N, C-alpha and C. Protein backbone atom coordinates (compact mmCIF):
# COMPACT_ATOMS: atom_id res chain seq x y z
N MET A 1 38.80 74.94 85.71
CA MET A 1 40.40 74.66 85.92
C MET A 1 40.98 75.58 84.90
N ALA A 2 41.95 76.38 85.46
CA ALA A 2 42.68 77.02 84.40
C ALA A 2 43.55 76.31 83.36
N LYS A 3 43.72 76.83 82.12
CA LYS A 3 44.73 76.34 81.45
C LYS A 3 46.22 76.69 81.89
N ALA A 4 47.12 75.93 81.69
CA ALA A 4 48.32 76.19 81.90
C ALA A 4 48.94 76.92 80.57
N ALA A 5 49.44 78.16 81.02
CA ALA A 5 50.50 78.95 80.07
C ALA A 5 51.46 78.38 79.26
N SER A 6 51.07 78.26 77.91
CA SER A 6 52.30 77.81 77.33
C SER A 6 53.57 78.72 77.38
N LYS A 7 54.72 78.17 77.14
CA LYS A 7 55.84 78.95 77.14
C LYS A 7 55.78 79.87 75.63
N PRO A 8 56.40 81.12 75.87
CA PRO A 8 56.24 81.88 74.45
C PRO A 8 57.42 81.00 73.82
N ALA A 9 57.24 81.14 72.39
CA ALA A 9 58.09 80.66 71.44
C ALA A 9 59.25 81.33 71.49
N ALA A 10 60.57 80.73 71.12
CA ALA A 10 61.58 81.43 71.09
C ALA A 10 61.55 82.25 69.68
N PRO A 11 62.11 83.38 69.64
CA PRO A 11 62.39 83.95 68.23
C PRO A 11 63.25 83.29 67.22
N ILE A 12 62.88 83.79 66.10
CA ILE A 12 63.78 83.04 65.04
C ILE A 12 64.96 83.81 65.01
N VAL A 13 66.00 83.28 65.06
CA VAL A 13 67.44 83.73 64.73
C VAL A 13 67.99 83.80 63.61
N GLU A 14 67.91 84.41 62.66
CA GLU A 14 68.75 84.08 61.44
C GLU A 14 70.03 84.00 61.27
N ASP A 15 70.83 84.82 62.46
CA ASP A 15 72.10 84.50 62.62
C ASP A 15 72.65 83.13 62.82
N ARG A 16 71.73 82.48 63.42
CA ARG A 16 71.93 81.27 63.88
C ARG A 16 71.78 80.04 62.77
N GLY A 17 71.12 80.61 61.87
CA GLY A 17 70.93 79.84 60.59
C GLY A 17 69.55 79.05 60.59
N GLU A 18 68.54 79.93 61.43
CA GLU A 18 67.09 79.42 61.43
C GLU A 18 66.23 79.92 60.27
N PHE A 19 65.39 79.14 59.68
CA PHE A 19 64.81 79.51 58.63
C PHE A 19 63.29 79.97 59.09
N SER A 20 62.58 80.68 58.23
CA SER A 20 61.25 80.86 58.75
C SER A 20 60.62 81.31 57.48
N LEU A 21 59.12 81.16 57.52
CA LEU A 21 58.32 81.71 56.60
C LEU A 21 57.46 82.77 57.50
N VAL A 22 56.95 83.94 56.70
CA VAL A 22 56.01 84.68 57.36
C VAL A 22 54.85 84.60 56.71
N LEU A 23 53.98 84.34 57.18
CA LEU A 23 52.50 83.95 56.89
C LEU A 23 51.36 84.66 57.70
N ASP A 24 50.84 85.50 56.80
CA ASP A 24 49.62 86.26 57.65
C ASP A 24 50.30 87.05 58.93
N GLY A 25 51.12 87.63 58.50
CA GLY A 25 51.96 88.38 59.52
C GLY A 25 52.62 87.75 60.69
N ALA A 26 52.54 86.47 60.70
CA ALA A 26 53.37 85.80 61.88
C ALA A 26 54.43 85.14 61.17
N THR A 27 55.49 84.67 62.26
CA THR A 27 56.54 84.43 61.68
C THR A 27 56.77 82.77 62.22
N TYR A 28 56.92 81.80 61.31
CA TYR A 28 56.80 80.46 61.55
C TYR A 28 58.27 79.97 61.35
N GLY A 29 58.83 79.33 62.44
CA GLY A 29 60.19 78.95 62.29
C GLY A 29 59.96 77.39 61.42
N LEU A 30 60.96 76.89 60.89
CA LEU A 30 61.14 75.87 60.12
C LEU A 30 62.26 74.73 60.68
N ARG A 31 61.84 73.76 61.42
CA ARG A 31 62.83 72.81 61.71
C ARG A 31 62.75 71.19 60.99
N PRO A 32 63.80 71.19 60.14
CA PRO A 32 63.62 69.76 59.54
C PRO A 32 64.03 68.78 60.49
N SER A 33 63.71 68.11 61.37
CA SER A 33 63.90 67.21 62.35
C SER A 33 63.73 65.96 61.83
N TYR A 34 64.43 65.06 62.22
CA TYR A 34 64.01 63.43 61.88
C TYR A 34 62.58 63.33 61.62
N GLU A 35 61.91 63.51 62.63
CA GLU A 35 60.48 63.00 62.78
C GLU A 35 59.63 63.83 61.59
N ALA A 36 60.10 65.17 61.38
CA ALA A 36 59.41 65.87 60.40
C ALA A 36 59.82 65.63 58.87
N ILE A 37 60.98 65.24 58.60
CA ILE A 37 61.45 64.69 57.35
C ILE A 37 60.72 63.32 57.34
N GLU A 38 60.75 62.51 58.37
CA GLU A 38 59.96 61.30 58.16
C GLU A 38 58.52 61.26 57.86
N ALA A 39 58.05 62.18 58.68
CA ALA A 39 56.40 62.83 58.20
C ALA A 39 56.13 63.15 56.69
N VAL A 40 57.18 63.99 56.41
CA VAL A 40 57.03 64.62 54.94
C VAL A 40 57.10 63.50 53.95
N GLU A 41 58.18 62.63 54.03
CA GLU A 41 58.26 61.55 53.33
C GLU A 41 57.10 60.40 53.04
N ALA A 42 56.56 60.35 54.17
CA ALA A 42 55.37 59.57 54.49
C ALA A 42 54.39 60.18 53.68
N ALA A 43 54.01 61.52 53.93
CA ALA A 43 52.90 61.99 53.53
C ALA A 43 53.03 62.31 51.86
N THR A 44 54.19 62.50 51.35
CA THR A 44 54.49 62.83 50.01
C THR A 44 54.78 61.71 49.13
N GLY A 45 55.20 60.41 49.80
CA GLY A 45 55.79 59.29 48.93
C GLY A 45 56.94 59.69 48.33
N GLN A 46 57.71 60.53 48.71
CA GLN A 46 58.98 60.95 48.08
C GLN A 46 60.22 60.98 49.20
N GLY A 47 61.26 60.94 48.84
CA GLY A 47 62.46 60.82 49.60
C GLY A 47 62.84 62.07 49.63
N LEU A 48 63.89 62.39 50.60
CA LEU A 48 64.20 63.75 51.22
C LEU A 48 65.05 63.99 50.09
N ILE A 49 66.08 63.18 49.12
CA ILE A 49 66.88 63.70 48.04
C ILE A 49 65.73 64.12 46.90
N ASP A 50 64.82 63.38 46.65
CA ASP A 50 64.02 63.81 45.72
C ASP A 50 63.12 64.97 45.85
N LEU A 51 62.93 65.20 47.13
CA LEU A 51 62.09 66.59 47.49
C LEU A 51 63.06 67.79 47.27
N ALA A 52 64.23 67.83 47.70
CA ALA A 52 65.24 68.61 47.51
C ALA A 52 65.70 69.05 45.94
N ARG A 53 65.74 68.04 45.20
CA ARG A 53 66.03 68.11 43.90
C ARG A 53 64.68 68.91 43.32
N ALA A 54 63.45 68.39 43.45
CA ALA A 54 62.35 69.03 42.62
C ALA A 54 62.20 70.43 43.38
N GLY A 55 62.50 70.67 44.44
CA GLY A 55 62.42 72.16 45.11
C GLY A 55 63.44 72.92 44.34
N LEU A 56 64.60 72.54 44.44
CA LEU A 56 65.70 73.44 43.50
C LEU A 56 65.12 73.52 42.05
N ALA A 57 64.60 72.52 41.50
CA ALA A 57 64.05 72.69 40.02
C ALA A 57 62.75 73.51 39.95
N ALA A 58 62.34 73.79 41.34
CA ALA A 58 61.01 74.67 41.26
C ALA A 58 59.76 73.79 40.79
N LYS A 59 60.09 72.44 40.86
CA LYS A 59 59.00 71.64 40.49
C LYS A 59 58.04 70.90 41.52
N LEU A 60 58.02 71.40 42.73
CA LEU A 60 57.20 70.66 43.67
C LEU A 60 55.76 71.59 43.64
N SER A 61 54.88 70.56 43.77
CA SER A 61 53.26 71.41 43.61
C SER A 61 53.01 72.23 45.06
N LEU A 62 51.97 72.94 45.16
CA LEU A 62 51.51 73.49 46.44
C LEU A 62 51.22 72.56 47.55
N ALA A 63 50.71 71.33 47.11
CA ALA A 63 50.10 70.67 47.87
C ALA A 63 51.58 70.02 48.83
N VAL A 64 52.84 69.81 47.89
CA VAL A 64 54.04 68.96 48.56
C VAL A 64 54.59 69.90 49.44
N THR A 65 54.64 71.47 48.77
CA THR A 65 55.38 72.47 49.43
C THR A 65 54.53 72.88 50.62
N SER A 66 53.38 72.71 50.64
CA SER A 66 52.71 73.07 51.94
C SER A 66 52.68 72.08 52.85
N GLN A 67 52.66 70.83 52.59
CA GLN A 67 53.12 69.48 53.73
C GLN A 67 54.56 69.76 54.05
N VAL A 68 55.49 70.01 53.43
CA VAL A 68 56.80 70.02 53.87
C VAL A 68 56.81 71.16 54.95
N ALA A 69 56.34 72.46 54.25
CA ALA A 69 56.06 73.64 55.33
C ALA A 69 55.59 73.06 56.77
N THR A 70 54.13 72.52 56.67
CA THR A 70 53.69 71.89 57.65
C THR A 70 54.48 71.30 58.70
N GLU A 71 55.12 70.34 58.20
CA GLU A 71 55.85 69.35 59.29
C GLU A 71 56.91 70.11 59.76
N PHE A 72 57.58 71.07 59.11
CA PHE A 72 58.75 71.63 59.59
C PHE A 72 58.34 72.79 60.53
N ILE A 73 57.12 73.37 60.32
CA ILE A 73 56.70 74.18 61.30
C ILE A 73 55.92 73.65 62.42
N ARG A 74 55.34 72.50 62.55
CA ARG A 74 54.91 71.81 63.51
C ARG A 74 56.12 71.24 64.29
N ALA A 75 57.22 70.93 63.76
CA ALA A 75 58.46 70.53 64.64
C ALA A 75 59.15 71.76 65.37
N TRP A 76 58.95 72.62 64.42
CA TRP A 76 59.73 74.09 65.30
C TRP A 76 58.67 74.44 66.37
N GLY A 77 57.41 74.15 66.31
CA GLY A 77 56.45 74.44 67.35
C GLY A 77 56.55 73.62 68.54
N ARG A 78 56.87 72.32 68.21
CA ARG A 78 56.92 71.39 69.29
C ARG A 78 58.38 71.76 70.08
N ALA A 79 59.20 72.10 69.38
CA ALA A 79 60.47 72.35 70.09
C ALA A 79 60.40 73.36 70.85
N ASN A 80 59.61 74.41 70.51
CA ASN A 80 59.60 76.04 71.03
C ASN A 80 58.38 76.03 72.04
N GLY A 81 57.55 74.74 72.27
CA GLY A 81 56.41 74.90 72.95
C GLY A 81 55.09 75.87 72.43
N ASP A 82 55.28 76.19 70.94
CA ASP A 82 54.04 77.13 70.32
C ASP A 82 53.12 76.07 69.95
N LYS A 83 52.03 76.14 70.68
CA LYS A 83 50.88 75.14 70.32
C LYS A 83 50.15 75.49 69.13
N GLY A 84 50.25 77.01 68.61
CA GLY A 84 49.58 77.28 67.44
C GLY A 84 50.42 76.49 66.11
N ALA A 85 51.69 76.79 66.32
CA ALA A 85 52.62 76.05 65.30
C ALA A 85 52.71 74.63 65.21
N SER A 86 52.76 74.13 66.42
CA SER A 86 52.62 72.48 66.51
C SER A 86 51.42 72.00 66.06
N GLY A 87 50.45 72.64 65.97
CA GLY A 87 49.02 72.21 65.35
C GLY A 87 48.78 72.54 63.95
N ALA A 88 49.82 73.23 63.18
CA ALA A 88 49.48 73.49 61.90
C ALA A 88 48.94 72.39 61.02
N ASN A 89 48.27 72.82 60.05
CA ASN A 89 47.58 71.72 59.16
C ASN A 89 47.91 72.43 57.79
N ALA A 90 48.39 71.30 56.80
CA ALA A 90 48.78 71.69 55.50
C ALA A 90 47.58 72.39 54.50
N PRO A 91 46.44 72.27 54.35
CA PRO A 91 45.41 73.05 53.91
C PRO A 91 45.66 74.37 54.14
N ARG A 92 45.75 74.63 55.57
CA ARG A 92 45.64 76.28 56.01
C ARG A 92 46.88 76.87 55.67
N ILE A 93 48.07 75.88 55.81
CA ILE A 93 49.41 76.60 55.55
C ILE A 93 49.32 76.78 54.02
N ALA A 94 48.83 76.23 53.11
CA ALA A 94 48.64 76.66 51.79
C ALA A 94 48.00 77.52 51.46
N LYS A 95 46.93 77.83 52.12
CA LYS A 95 46.38 79.11 51.75
C LYS A 95 46.98 80.29 52.33
N LEU A 96 47.69 80.15 53.31
CA LEU A 96 48.54 81.31 53.92
C LEU A 96 50.00 81.56 52.98
N ILE A 97 50.39 80.62 52.53
CA ILE A 97 51.34 80.56 51.32
C ILE A 97 50.81 81.54 50.25
N LEU A 98 49.97 81.12 49.68
CA LEU A 98 49.24 81.76 48.52
C LEU A 98 48.93 83.37 48.86
N ASN A 99 48.66 83.65 50.08
CA ASN A 99 48.32 84.93 50.45
C ASN A 99 49.63 85.78 50.81
N SER A 100 50.55 85.12 51.11
CA SER A 100 51.62 85.65 51.59
C SER A 100 52.45 86.88 50.85
N ASP A 101 53.32 87.53 50.93
CA ASP A 101 53.96 88.38 50.26
C ASP A 101 54.91 87.50 49.61
N GLY A 102 55.19 87.43 48.34
CA GLY A 102 55.89 86.77 47.66
C GLY A 102 55.45 85.39 47.20
N GLY A 103 54.25 85.16 47.68
CA GLY A 103 53.45 83.89 47.62
C GLY A 103 54.28 82.63 47.26
N PHE A 104 53.70 81.70 46.50
CA PHE A 104 54.27 80.39 46.52
C PHE A 104 55.61 80.39 46.17
N HIS A 105 55.91 81.03 45.17
CA HIS A 105 57.58 81.40 44.94
C HIS A 105 58.38 81.71 45.99
N ALA A 106 58.05 82.49 46.60
CA ALA A 106 59.11 82.86 47.85
C ALA A 106 59.11 81.77 48.89
N ALA A 107 57.74 81.21 49.10
CA ALA A 107 57.79 80.13 50.18
C ALA A 107 58.71 78.66 49.58
N LEU A 108 58.53 78.43 48.37
CA LEU A 108 59.15 77.51 47.62
C LEU A 108 60.98 77.61 47.51
N GLN A 109 61.19 78.89 47.50
CA GLN A 109 62.38 79.14 47.63
C GLN A 109 63.23 79.06 48.93
N THR A 110 62.43 79.27 49.90
CA THR A 110 62.87 79.13 51.36
C THR A 110 62.89 77.66 51.65
N LEU A 111 62.03 76.85 51.29
CA LEU A 111 62.12 75.44 51.56
C LEU A 111 62.83 74.56 51.00
N SER A 112 63.20 74.96 49.60
CA SER A 112 64.13 74.32 49.02
C SER A 112 65.62 74.45 49.39
N GLY A 113 65.86 75.52 49.91
CA GLY A 113 66.71 75.93 50.75
C GLY A 113 67.01 74.89 51.96
N VAL A 114 66.08 74.88 52.87
CA VAL A 114 65.97 73.84 53.69
C VAL A 114 66.40 72.63 53.40
N LEU A 115 65.38 72.11 52.69
CA LEU A 115 65.53 70.91 51.96
C LEU A 115 66.99 70.43 51.45
N SER A 116 67.47 71.38 50.75
CA SER A 116 68.80 71.00 50.38
C SER A 116 69.92 71.19 51.62
N LEU A 117 69.86 72.07 52.42
CA LEU A 117 70.87 71.62 53.62
C LEU A 117 70.56 70.41 54.52
N ALA A 118 69.21 70.01 54.72
CA ALA A 118 69.07 68.86 55.38
C ALA A 118 69.74 67.70 54.46
N VAL A 119 69.50 67.66 53.13
CA VAL A 119 70.38 66.76 52.16
C VAL A 119 71.85 66.63 52.69
N THR A 120 72.15 67.75 52.80
CA THR A 120 73.80 67.66 52.65
C THR A 120 74.58 67.83 54.09
N GLY A 121 73.56 67.78 55.22
CA GLY A 121 74.22 67.53 56.62
C GLY A 121 73.98 68.96 57.16
N GLY A 122 73.44 69.94 56.84
CA GLY A 122 73.44 70.95 57.28
C GLY A 122 72.63 71.15 58.68
N PHE A 123 71.61 70.19 58.92
CA PHE A 123 71.07 70.14 60.20
C PHE A 123 71.20 68.61 60.93
N ASP A 124 71.23 68.93 62.27
CA ASP A 124 71.07 67.59 63.06
C ASP A 124 69.96 67.04 63.02
N ALA A 125 69.65 65.91 63.76
CA ALA A 125 68.53 65.09 63.80
C ALA A 125 67.45 65.71 64.52
N GLU A 126 67.67 66.80 65.50
CA GLU A 126 66.65 67.62 66.03
C GLU A 126 66.39 68.66 65.11
N GLY A 127 66.79 68.93 64.01
CA GLY A 127 66.72 69.86 63.14
C GLY A 127 67.31 71.47 63.36
N GLU A 128 68.46 70.97 64.06
CA GLU A 128 69.12 72.64 64.24
C GLU A 128 70.04 72.30 63.52
N MET A 129 70.50 73.72 63.03
CA MET A 129 71.54 74.03 62.17
C MET A 129 73.02 73.46 62.90
N LYS A 130 73.59 72.88 62.02
CA LYS A 130 75.10 72.52 62.52
C LYS A 130 76.02 73.59 62.50
N PRO A 131 77.17 73.65 63.54
CA PRO A 131 78.12 74.56 63.13
C PRO A 131 78.52 74.60 61.81
N SER A 132 78.93 75.53 61.38
CA SER A 132 79.56 75.76 59.93
C SER A 132 81.19 75.16 60.11
N THR A 133 81.50 74.52 59.18
CA THR A 133 83.01 73.86 59.15
C THR A 133 83.64 74.60 58.08
N THR A 134 82.91 75.52 57.48
CA THR A 134 83.96 76.50 56.46
C THR A 134 84.57 77.33 56.97
N PRO A 135 85.80 77.51 56.73
CA PRO A 135 86.75 78.43 57.34
C PRO A 135 86.63 79.73 56.91
N ASN A 136 86.68 80.88 57.47
CA ASN A 136 86.11 82.30 57.61
C ASN A 136 87.53 82.75 56.76
N PRO A 137 87.49 82.85 55.46
CA PRO A 137 88.56 83.58 54.68
C PRO A 137 89.10 84.95 54.97
N ALA A 138 88.23 85.66 55.50
CA ALA A 138 88.65 87.24 56.26
C ALA A 138 89.48 86.78 57.54
N LYS A 139 89.33 85.67 58.12
CA LYS A 139 90.21 85.39 59.15
C LYS A 139 91.54 84.98 58.78
N GLU A 140 91.63 84.34 57.52
CA GLU A 140 92.78 83.75 57.38
C GLU A 140 93.58 84.36 56.18
N ALA A 141 92.92 85.48 55.65
CA ALA A 141 93.45 86.42 54.69
C ALA A 141 94.75 87.09 54.98
N ARG A 142 95.93 87.01 54.29
CA ARG A 142 97.05 87.63 54.91
C ARG A 142 96.89 89.19 54.49
N VAL A 143 97.40 89.92 55.43
CA VAL A 143 97.23 91.17 54.97
C VAL A 143 98.84 91.72 54.87
N ASP A 144 99.23 92.07 53.54
CA ASP A 144 100.65 92.49 53.33
C ASP A 144 100.50 93.94 52.74
N GLY A 145 101.50 94.63 53.20
CA GLY A 145 101.56 96.09 52.68
C GLY A 145 101.83 96.43 51.59
């Protein structure tokens, strides 16, 4: 019996506010969905606000950082039909983070940003970026001669 082909994963679109990590030459989307956040909290024993604060202070361990990355990658994989991403595991992601350009520090910076936005309402429950409510100053600036 032939395996059903999985649909190709949607590309990461930075203009849409999607975050990603490049690990071993592959781009992995990060989706902080409700389910992913719940899994991170259960696995780490820390709440979302504590994780965001620790991330911004660069105090997350590699184990916690890779767990956050893994759950967000899994959520992105499930949402986009990417079987490889949806089956990610934390030890493998930790090794890929250490071997990536920028290493642990670069991954921590990206994940800290995602956690901070999740805390402040930047994502919906599905982990998609909410539309910006910040007015565009360029559109509102007066042009006087």
